[in-house]
Amino acid sequence: MKHIALFFHLLGLSVWAGSFIAMTICVTGLRSERISLEIKQLLNNAQVRFTLIGNLGALAMLISGFGLFSMSNTHAIWVDLMAGIGGGVCMFSIIAITLQSNILSGRIKSNLFDNLLKGQLGLISFSSWFVMIGIVVVLGVVSYRV
């Protein structure tokens, strides 16, 4: 059972990290003023889909991580640290990134390309990098102890 949970945990991590890299590329493309409106709409649709896929990966990580944590008989400090940081980053990703993605998507669908949109693009880029740094920190903790 533990190996199945670990498989889904690593699968969720791969899907989550990959989708946020792709979403960040889409958001970076949306910041460009040289691309046409059709391409911006296409990038917007792609970033919404990548956000949804990333949320599914984060949810798989949360569920399998909780299963792995409860299967463990002993809890070393590094396991607690990994679970706390990883769970917090997953929850931040699911809540904050989804809200920001929906707001951004609504503004782009309404063709509201103004300074507020640039601020929203900056916020979602910062949040995406925050999530990616959190993933790297958790992977660093795991790699240090394995």
N, C-alpha and C. Protein backbone atom coordinates (compact mmCIF):
# COMPACT_ATOMS: atom_id res chain seq x y z
N MET A 1 0.82 -1.20 0.00
CA MET A 1 0.00 0.00 0.00
C MET A 1 0.87 1.27 0.00
N LYS A 2 1.97 1.19 0.74
CA LYS A 2 2.85 2.35 0.82
C LYS A 2 3.47 2.68 -0.53
N HIS A 3 3.77 1.65 -1.31
CA HIS A 3 4.38 1.87 -2.63
C HIS A 3 3.37 2.49 -3.61
N ILE A 4 2.13 2.12 -3.49
CA ILE A 4 1.09 2.71 -4.34
C ILE A 4 0.91 4.19 -3.99
N ALA A 5 0.89 4.50 -2.69
CA ALA A 5 0.77 5.90 -2.26
C ALA A 5 1.98 6.70 -2.71
N LEU A 6 3.17 6.10 -2.62
CA LEU A 6 4.38 6.80 -3.07
C LEU A 6 4.34 7.04 -4.58
N PHE A 7 3.84 6.07 -5.35
CA PHE A 7 3.71 6.25 -6.79
C PHE A 7 2.80 7.44 -7.10
N PHE A 8 1.62 7.49 -6.46
CA PHE A 8 0.70 8.59 -6.72
C PHE A 8 1.25 9.92 -6.21
N HIS A 9 2.06 9.87 -5.16
CA HIS A 9 2.68 11.09 -4.65
C HIS A 9 3.67 11.65 -5.67
N LEU A 10 4.51 10.78 -6.22
CA LEU A 10 5.48 11.23 -7.22
C LEU A 10 4.82 11.59 -8.54
N LEU A 11 3.77 10.87 -8.91
CA LEU A 11 3.01 11.22 -10.11
C LEU A 11 2.37 12.60 -9.94
N GLY A 12 1.77 12.84 -8.79
CA GLY A 12 1.18 14.15 -8.51
C GLY A 12 2.22 15.26 -8.55
N LEU A 13 3.41 14.99 -8.00
CA LEU A 13 4.49 15.97 -8.03
C LEU A 13 4.89 16.30 -9.46
N SER A 14 5.03 15.28 -10.28
CA SER A 14 5.43 15.50 -11.67
C SER A 14 4.38 16.31 -12.43
N VAL A 15 3.13 15.95 -12.26
CA VAL A 15 2.05 16.67 -12.95
C VAL A 15 1.97 18.10 -12.45
N TRP A 16 2.04 18.27 -11.13
CA TRP A 16 1.95 19.59 -10.50
C TRP A 16 3.07 20.51 -10.97
N ALA A 17 4.32 20.04 -10.86
CA ALA A 17 5.46 20.87 -11.23
C ALA A 17 5.46 21.17 -12.73
N GLY A 18 5.19 20.16 -13.55
CA GLY A 18 5.18 20.37 -14.99
C GLY A 18 4.12 21.35 -15.43
N SER A 19 2.94 21.26 -14.83
CA SER A 19 1.87 22.18 -15.23
C SER A 19 2.17 23.61 -14.80
N PHE A 20 2.84 23.78 -13.67
CA PHE A 20 3.15 25.14 -13.26
C PHE A 20 4.29 25.74 -14.07
N ILE A 21 5.19 24.93 -14.55
CA ILE A 21 6.20 25.44 -15.47
C ILE A 21 5.53 25.89 -16.77
N ALA A 22 4.62 25.06 -17.29
CA ALA A 22 3.90 25.41 -18.52
C ALA A 22 3.02 26.64 -18.31
N MET A 23 2.35 26.73 -17.15
CA MET A 23 1.50 27.89 -16.87
C MET A 23 2.34 29.17 -16.79
N THR A 24 3.51 29.07 -16.18
CA THR A 24 4.38 30.24 -16.08
C THR A 24 4.84 30.69 -17.46
N ILE A 25 5.10 29.76 -18.35
CA ILE A 25 5.47 30.11 -19.72
C ILE A 25 4.32 30.83 -20.41
N CYS A 26 3.08 30.33 -20.21
CA CYS A 26 1.91 30.98 -20.81
C CYS A 26 1.72 32.40 -20.26
N VAL A 27 1.88 32.56 -18.95
CA VAL A 27 1.70 33.88 -18.33
C VAL A 27 2.79 34.83 -18.80
N THR A 28 4.00 34.31 -18.96
CA THR A 28 5.08 35.15 -19.48
C THR A 28 4.76 35.61 -20.90
N GLY A 29 4.18 34.74 -21.70
CA GLY A 29 3.77 35.11 -23.06
C GLY A 29 2.66 36.14 -23.06
N LEU A 30 1.78 36.08 -22.07
CA LEU A 30 0.70 37.07 -21.99
C LEU A 30 1.21 38.48 -21.70
N ARG A 31 2.39 38.57 -21.10
CA ARG A 31 2.93 39.89 -20.77
C ARG A 31 3.45 40.64 -22.00
N SER A 32 3.71 39.90 -23.07
CA SER A 32 4.26 40.52 -24.27
C SER A 32 3.19 41.37 -24.96
N GLU A 33 3.60 42.54 -25.38
CA GLU A 33 2.67 43.44 -26.07
C GLU A 33 2.73 43.24 -27.59
N ARG A 34 3.66 42.43 -28.07
CA ARG A 34 3.84 42.25 -29.50
C ARG A 34 2.99 41.13 -30.08
N ILE A 35 2.31 40.36 -29.26
CA ILE A 35 1.52 39.25 -29.79
C ILE A 35 0.07 39.69 -30.01
N SER A 36 -0.60 38.99 -30.90
CA SER A 36 -1.96 39.39 -31.28
C SER A 36 -2.97 38.97 -30.20
N LEU A 37 -4.16 39.50 -30.35
CA LEU A 37 -5.25 39.21 -29.41
C LEU A 37 -5.63 37.73 -29.45
N GLU A 38 -5.59 37.12 -30.63
CA GLU A 38 -5.95 35.70 -30.75
C GLU A 38 -4.95 34.82 -30.00
N ILE A 39 -3.67 35.17 -30.10
CA ILE A 39 -2.64 34.39 -29.39
C ILE A 39 -2.79 34.59 -27.89
N LYS A 40 -3.14 35.81 -27.46
CA LYS A 40 -3.35 36.04 -26.03
C LYS A 40 -4.52 35.22 -25.51
N GLN A 41 -5.59 35.14 -26.30
CA GLN A 41 -6.73 34.32 -25.89
C GLN A 41 -6.33 32.84 -25.81
N LEU A 42 -5.52 32.38 -26.77
CA LEU A 42 -5.05 31.00 -26.78
C LEU A 42 -4.17 30.72 -25.56
N LEU A 43 -3.24 31.63 -25.26
CA LEU A 43 -2.39 31.47 -24.08
C LEU A 43 -3.22 31.50 -22.79
N ASN A 44 -4.26 32.34 -22.78
CA ASN A 44 -5.14 32.42 -21.61
C ASN A 44 -5.85 31.08 -21.39
N ASN A 45 -6.39 30.51 -22.47
CA ASN A 45 -7.07 29.21 -22.34
C ASN A 45 -6.09 28.13 -21.88
N ALA A 46 -4.86 28.19 -22.38
CA ALA A 46 -3.85 27.20 -21.98
C ALA A 46 -3.49 27.35 -20.51
N GLN A 47 -3.33 28.59 -20.02
CA GLN A 47 -2.97 28.76 -18.62
C GLN A 47 -4.09 28.34 -17.68
N VAL A 48 -5.34 28.50 -18.11
CA VAL A 48 -6.46 28.02 -17.29
C VAL A 48 -6.44 26.50 -17.22
N ARG A 49 -6.18 25.86 -18.33
CA ARG A 49 -6.14 24.38 -18.35
C ARG A 49 -4.96 23.85 -17.54
N PHE A 50 -3.79 24.51 -17.68
CA PHE A 50 -2.62 24.07 -16.91
C PHE A 50 -2.85 24.28 -15.41
N THR A 51 -3.57 25.32 -15.04
CA THR A 51 -3.89 25.53 -13.63
C THR A 51 -4.76 24.39 -13.10
N LEU A 52 -5.75 24.00 -13.88
CA LEU A 52 -6.62 22.89 -13.48
C LEU A 52 -5.83 21.59 -13.35
N ILE A 53 -4.98 21.31 -14.31
CA ILE A 53 -4.15 20.10 -14.26
C ILE A 53 -3.22 20.14 -13.06
N GLY A 54 -2.63 21.30 -12.81
CA GLY A 54 -1.75 21.45 -11.65
C GLY A 54 -2.49 21.24 -10.34
N ASN A 55 -3.73 21.72 -10.27
CA ASN A 55 -4.52 21.51 -9.06
C ASN A 55 -4.82 20.03 -8.83
N LEU A 56 -5.07 19.30 -9.91
CA LEU A 56 -5.30 17.85 -9.77
C LEU A 56 -4.03 17.16 -9.27
N GLY A 57 -2.88 17.57 -9.76
CA GLY A 57 -1.62 17.01 -9.27
C GLY A 57 -1.36 17.35 -7.82
N ALA A 58 -1.66 18.61 -7.44
CA ALA A 58 -1.49 19.01 -6.04
C ALA A 58 -2.44 18.26 -5.12
N LEU A 59 -3.66 18.05 -5.59
CA LEU A 59 -4.63 17.29 -4.79
C LEU A 59 -4.18 15.83 -4.63
N ALA A 60 -3.65 15.25 -5.69
CA ALA A 60 -3.11 13.88 -5.59
C ALA A 60 -1.95 13.84 -4.60
N MET A 61 -1.12 14.88 -4.61
CA MET A 61 -0.01 14.93 -3.65
C MET A 61 -0.51 15.06 -2.23
N LEU A 62 -1.51 15.91 -2.00
CA LEU A 62 -2.04 16.07 -0.66
C LEU A 62 -2.63 14.77 -0.11
N ILE A 63 -3.44 14.11 -0.92
CA ILE A 63 -4.10 12.88 -0.47
C ILE A 63 -3.06 11.78 -0.23
N SER A 64 -2.18 11.57 -1.20
CA SER A 64 -1.18 10.50 -1.03
C SER A 64 -0.17 10.86 0.06
N GLY A 65 0.16 12.15 0.20
CA GLY A 65 1.07 12.57 1.26
C GLY A 65 0.48 12.35 2.64
N PHE A 66 -0.81 12.63 2.76
CA PHE A 66 -1.48 12.37 4.05
C PHE A 66 -1.47 10.87 4.33
N GLY A 67 -1.71 10.05 3.29
CA GLY A 67 -1.66 8.60 3.46
C GLY A 67 -0.28 8.12 3.88
N LEU A 68 0.76 8.64 3.21
CA LEU A 68 2.13 8.26 3.56
C LEU A 68 2.49 8.71 4.98
N PHE A 69 2.04 9.91 5.35
CA PHE A 69 2.34 10.43 6.68
C PHE A 69 1.67 9.59 7.76
N SER A 70 0.43 9.17 7.51
CA SER A 70 -0.27 8.38 8.52
C SER A 70 0.21 6.93 8.55
N MET A 71 0.82 6.43 7.47
CA MET A 71 1.38 5.07 7.47
C MET A 71 2.70 4.99 8.21
N SER A 72 3.37 6.12 8.37
CA SER A 72 4.68 6.14 9.02
C SER A 72 4.53 5.95 10.52
N ASN A 73 5.35 5.07 11.08
CA ASN A 73 5.30 4.82 12.51
C ASN A 73 6.03 5.87 13.31
N THR A 74 7.13 6.36 12.79
CA THR A 74 7.90 7.39 13.48
C THR A 74 7.89 8.66 12.65
N HIS A 75 7.98 9.77 13.32
CA HIS A 75 7.98 11.06 12.63
C HIS A 75 9.23 11.83 13.06
N ALA A 76 10.23 11.78 12.22
CA ALA A 76 11.42 12.58 12.45
C ALA A 76 11.10 14.04 12.13
N ILE A 77 11.93 14.94 12.59
CA ILE A 77 11.68 16.37 12.38
C ILE A 77 11.67 16.71 10.90
N TRP A 78 12.50 16.04 10.10
CA TRP A 78 12.54 16.35 8.66
C TRP A 78 11.26 15.90 7.97
N VAL A 79 10.62 14.84 8.47
CA VAL A 79 9.35 14.40 7.89
C VAL A 79 8.26 15.40 8.22
N ASP A 80 8.25 15.87 9.46
CA ASP A 80 7.26 16.89 9.85
C ASP A 80 7.47 18.19 9.07
N LEU A 81 8.73 18.57 8.90
CA LEU A 81 9.05 19.78 8.14
C LEU A 81 8.62 19.64 6.68
N MET A 82 8.92 18.48 6.09
CA MET A 82 8.54 18.22 4.71
C MET A 82 7.02 18.23 4.55
N ALA A 83 6.32 17.59 5.49
CA ALA A 83 4.86 17.54 5.41
C ALA A 83 4.24 18.93 5.60
N GLY A 84 4.78 19.70 6.52
CA GLY A 84 4.25 21.04 6.78
C GLY A 84 4.46 21.99 5.61
N ILE A 85 5.70 22.05 5.13
CA ILE A 85 5.99 22.94 4.00
C ILE A 85 5.28 22.46 2.74
N GLY A 86 5.36 21.17 2.47
CA GLY A 86 4.73 20.63 1.26
C GLY A 86 3.22 20.80 1.27
N GLY A 87 2.59 20.50 2.39
CA GLY A 87 1.14 20.68 2.50
C GLY A 87 0.73 22.13 2.38
N GLY A 88 1.52 23.02 2.99
CA GLY A 88 1.22 24.45 2.90
C GLY A 88 1.35 24.98 1.48
N VAL A 89 2.40 24.56 0.79
CA VAL A 89 2.59 25.00 -0.59
C VAL A 89 1.49 24.44 -1.50
N CYS A 90 1.09 23.19 -1.25
CA CYS A 90 -0.03 22.61 -2.04
C CYS A 90 -1.31 23.41 -1.82
N MET A 91 -1.62 23.71 -0.58
CA MET A 91 -2.85 24.46 -0.29
C MET A 91 -2.78 25.87 -0.88
N PHE A 92 -1.61 26.52 -0.76
CA PHE A 92 -1.45 27.85 -1.36
C PHE A 92 -1.65 27.76 -2.87
N SER A 93 -1.08 26.73 -3.46
CA SER A 93 -1.21 26.55 -4.91
C SER A 93 -2.66 26.38 -5.32
N ILE A 94 -3.38 25.51 -4.62
CA ILE A 94 -4.76 25.24 -4.99
C ILE A 94 -5.63 26.47 -4.82
N ILE A 95 -5.46 27.18 -3.72
CA ILE A 95 -6.35 28.32 -3.43
C ILE A 95 -5.92 29.58 -4.18
N ALA A 96 -4.70 30.04 -3.93
CA ALA A 96 -4.27 31.34 -4.45
C ALA A 96 -4.09 31.34 -5.96
N ILE A 97 -3.41 30.34 -6.49
CA ILE A 97 -3.16 30.32 -7.93
C ILE A 97 -4.47 30.19 -8.70
N THR A 98 -5.39 29.37 -8.19
CA THR A 98 -6.68 29.22 -8.87
C THR A 98 -7.46 30.52 -8.89
N LEU A 99 -7.51 31.21 -7.76
CA LEU A 99 -8.21 32.50 -7.72
C LEU A 99 -7.57 33.50 -8.67
N GLN A 100 -6.25 33.58 -8.64
CA GLN A 100 -5.56 34.53 -9.52
C GLN A 100 -5.74 34.16 -10.99
N SER A 101 -5.73 32.89 -11.29
CA SER A 101 -5.91 32.44 -12.67
C SER A 101 -7.31 32.79 -13.17
N ASN A 102 -8.32 32.60 -12.33
CA ASN A 102 -9.69 32.93 -12.73
C ASN A 102 -9.87 34.43 -12.94
N ILE A 103 -9.30 35.25 -12.08
CA ILE A 103 -9.39 36.71 -12.24
C ILE A 103 -8.68 37.13 -13.53
N LEU A 104 -7.48 36.58 -13.74
CA LEU A 104 -6.72 36.90 -14.95
C LEU A 104 -7.48 36.48 -16.19
N SER A 105 -8.05 35.30 -16.17
CA SER A 105 -8.79 34.79 -17.32
C SER A 105 -9.99 35.67 -17.64
N GLY A 106 -10.70 36.10 -16.61
CA GLY A 106 -11.85 36.98 -16.84
C GLY A 106 -11.47 38.31 -17.46
N ARG A 107 -10.35 38.88 -17.01
CA ARG A 107 -9.91 40.16 -17.56
C ARG A 107 -9.49 40.00 -19.02
N ILE A 108 -8.82 38.92 -19.34
CA ILE A 108 -8.36 38.73 -20.72
C ILE A 108 -9.54 38.42 -21.63
N LYS A 109 -10.50 37.62 -21.17
CA LYS A 109 -11.69 37.33 -21.99
C LYS A 109 -12.49 38.59 -22.27
N SER A 110 -12.45 39.57 -21.34
CA SER A 110 -13.16 40.83 -21.53
C SER A 110 -12.33 41.84 -22.31
N ASN A 111 -11.14 41.42 -22.76
CA ASN A 111 -10.23 42.31 -23.50
C ASN A 111 -9.85 43.55 -22.71
N LEU A 112 -9.66 43.41 -21.41
CA LEU A 112 -9.25 44.51 -20.56
C LEU A 112 -7.73 44.47 -20.38
N PHE A 113 -7.00 44.99 -21.34
CA PHE A 113 -5.55 45.01 -21.29
C PHE A 113 -5.11 46.38 -20.78
N ASP A 114 -4.96 46.50 -19.47
CA ASP A 114 -4.59 47.76 -18.85
C ASP A 114 -3.53 47.50 -17.79
N ASN A 115 -3.24 48.51 -16.98
CA ASN A 115 -2.21 48.38 -15.94
C ASN A 115 -2.61 47.38 -14.87
N LEU A 116 -3.91 47.27 -14.59
CA LEU A 116 -4.37 46.31 -13.61
C LEU A 116 -4.08 44.88 -14.07
N LEU A 117 -4.22 44.64 -15.38
CA LEU A 117 -3.89 43.32 -15.92
C LEU A 117 -2.40 43.03 -15.77
N LYS A 118 -1.56 44.04 -15.99
CA LYS A 118 -0.12 43.84 -15.82
C LYS A 118 0.21 43.51 -14.37
N GLY A 119 -0.47 44.15 -13.44
CA GLY A 119 -0.28 43.84 -12.03
C GLY A 119 -0.73 42.42 -11.70
N GLN A 120 -1.84 42.01 -12.28
CA GLN A 120 -2.35 40.65 -12.07
C GLN A 120 -1.39 39.62 -12.66
N LEU A 121 -0.84 39.92 -13.83
CA LEU A 121 0.15 39.03 -14.44
C LEU A 121 1.39 38.91 -13.56
N GLY A 122 1.82 40.02 -13.00
CA GLY A 122 2.97 40.01 -12.09
C GLY A 122 2.69 39.20 -10.83
N LEU A 123 1.49 39.33 -10.30
CA LEU A 123 1.11 38.59 -9.08
C LEU A 123 1.07 37.09 -9.33
N ILE A 124 0.48 36.68 -10.44
CA ILE A 124 0.41 35.24 -10.71
C ILE A 124 1.80 34.68 -11.04
N SER A 125 2.65 35.48 -11.67
CA SER A 125 4.03 35.03 -11.93
C SER A 125 4.78 34.85 -10.61
N PHE A 126 4.63 35.82 -9.70
CA PHE A 126 5.28 35.72 -8.39
C PHE A 126 4.78 34.50 -7.62
N SER A 127 3.47 34.29 -7.63
CA SER A 127 2.89 33.15 -6.91
C SER A 127 3.36 31.83 -7.50
N SER A 128 3.46 31.76 -8.82
CA SER A 128 3.93 30.54 -9.47
C SER A 128 5.38 30.25 -9.09
N TRP A 129 6.20 31.29 -9.07
CA TRP A 129 7.59 31.07 -8.66
C TRP A 129 7.68 30.72 -7.18
N PHE A 130 6.81 31.26 -6.36
CA PHE A 130 6.77 30.92 -4.94
C PHE A 130 6.46 29.43 -4.78
N VAL A 131 5.50 28.93 -5.56
CA VAL A 131 5.15 27.50 -5.51
C VAL A 131 6.34 26.67 -5.98
N MET A 132 6.98 27.06 -7.06
CA MET A 132 8.11 26.28 -7.58
C MET A 132 9.28 26.27 -6.58
N ILE A 133 9.53 27.38 -5.91
CA ILE A 133 10.59 27.42 -4.90
C ILE A 133 10.22 26.53 -3.72
N GLY A 134 8.94 26.53 -3.34
CA GLY A 134 8.48 25.63 -2.28
C GLY A 134 8.70 24.17 -2.65
N ILE A 135 8.43 23.82 -3.89
CA ILE A 135 8.67 22.44 -4.36
C ILE A 135 10.15 22.10 -4.26
N VAL A 136 11.00 23.03 -4.67
CA VAL A 136 12.45 22.78 -4.63
C VAL A 136 12.92 22.64 -3.19
N VAL A 137 12.39 23.44 -2.27
CA VAL A 137 12.78 23.35 -0.86
C VAL A 137 12.40 21.98 -0.29
N VAL A 138 11.17 21.54 -0.57
CA VAL A 138 10.74 20.22 -0.08
C VAL A 138 11.59 19.11 -0.70
N LEU A 139 11.87 19.20 -2.00
CA LEU A 139 12.74 18.20 -2.62
C LEU A 139 14.15 18.24 -2.03
N GLY A 140 14.62 19.42 -1.66
CA GLY A 140 15.92 19.53 -1.01
C GLY A 140 15.94 18.86 0.36
N VAL A 141 14.87 19.03 1.13
CA VAL A 141 14.77 18.38 2.44
C VAL A 141 14.77 16.87 2.27
N VAL A 142 13.98 16.39 1.31
CA VAL A 142 13.91 14.94 1.07
C VAL A 142 15.26 14.41 0.59
N SER A 143 15.89 15.11 -0.34
CA SER A 143 17.17 14.66 -0.88
C SER A 143 18.26 14.65 0.18
N TYR A 144 18.20 15.58 1.09
CA TYR A 144 19.19 15.65 2.15
C TYR A 144 19.10 14.44 3.07
N ARG A 145 17.88 13.98 3.32
CA ARG A 145 17.68 12.88 4.25
C ARG A 145 17.69 11.50 3.60
N VAL A 146 17.56 11.41 2.29
CA VAL A 146 17.48 10.08 1.66
C VAL A 146 18.84 9.57 1.32
